[in-house]
Amino acid sequence: MPKNTSLIFQISGMATTLIYDRIALRDCVAEGKSVFEWKDAKAKAEISALMEEVFRG
């Protein structure tokens, strides 16, 4: 793939990581914070797992 191709075009397939509809995700966005600045460990773990899958394969 060409070097100037954006990341979105380099990702193929679907993610297998599950992200649940958690109130914590809504609350942290409403407060202007990331899930990593919030107190819900499960929400942090889900987003961390998704990031790991997307960026490390």
Protein backbone atom coordinates (compact mmCIF):
# COMPACT_ATOMS: atom_id res chain seq x y z
CA MET A 1 0.00 0.00 0.00
CA PRO A 2 1.33 3.51 -0.77
CA LYS A 3 2.83 5.39 2.16
CA ASN A 4 0.39 8.28 1.81
CA THR A 5 -2.67 6.06 2.16
CA SER A 6 -4.64 7.03 5.27
CA LEU A 7 -5.02 4.60 8.16
CA ILE A 8 -8.69 4.01 7.48
CA PHE A 9 -7.90 2.46 4.11
CA GLN A 10 -5.17 0.27 5.57
CA ILE A 11 -7.52 -1.44 8.03
CA SER A 12 -9.26 -4.44 6.52
CA GLY A 13 -11.94 -6.59 8.04
CA MET A 14 -14.03 -5.99 11.11
CA ALA A 15 -12.94 -5.63 14.70
CA THR A 16 -13.73 -8.55 16.97
CA THR A 17 -13.53 -6.54 20.20
CA LEU A 18 -16.92 -5.88 21.79
CA ILE A 19 -17.73 -2.41 23.10
CA TYR A 20 -20.86 -2.27 25.21
CA ASP A 21 -23.17 0.74 25.45
CA ARG A 22 -22.00 1.89 28.87
CA ILE A 23 -23.31 4.91 30.74
CA ALA A 24 -19.68 5.64 31.68
CA LEU A 25 -18.82 6.30 28.02
CA ARG A 26 -21.65 8.83 27.75
CA ASP A 27 -20.80 10.45 31.08
CA CYS A 28 -17.12 10.94 30.33
CA VAL A 29 -17.87 12.50 26.93
CA ALA A 30 -20.44 14.81 28.53
CA GLU A 31 -17.74 15.90 31.01
CA GLY A 32 -15.24 16.46 28.21
CA LYS A 33 -12.99 13.62 29.36
CA SER A 34 -11.70 10.45 27.80
CA VAL A 35 -12.66 7.04 29.09
CA PHE A 36 -9.11 6.76 30.50
CA GLU A 37 -9.77 9.74 32.78
CA TRP A 38 -12.99 8.16 34.08
CA LYS A 39 -13.60 5.76 36.94
CA ASP A 40 -15.20 2.80 35.11
CA ALA A 41 -12.59 0.03 34.79
CA LYS A 42 -14.71 -2.08 32.43
CA ALA A 43 -15.16 0.81 29.97
CA LYS A 44 -11.41 1.50 30.07
CA ALA A 45 -10.63 -2.16 29.44
CA GLU A 46 -12.99 -2.35 26.45
CA ILE A 47 -11.57 0.74 24.78
CA SER A 48 -8.02 -0.41 25.52
CA ALA A 49 -8.74 -3.78 23.92
CA LEU A 50 -10.20 -2.10 20.84
CA MET A 51 -7.19 0.20 20.51
CA GLU A 52 -4.86 -2.77 20.90
CA GLU A 53 -6.70 -4.66 18.15
CA VAL A 54 -6.80 -1.72 15.74
CA PHE A 55 -3.26 -0.45 16.18
CA ARG A 56 -1.36 -3.69 16.82
CA GLY A 57 -3.45 -6.18 14.93
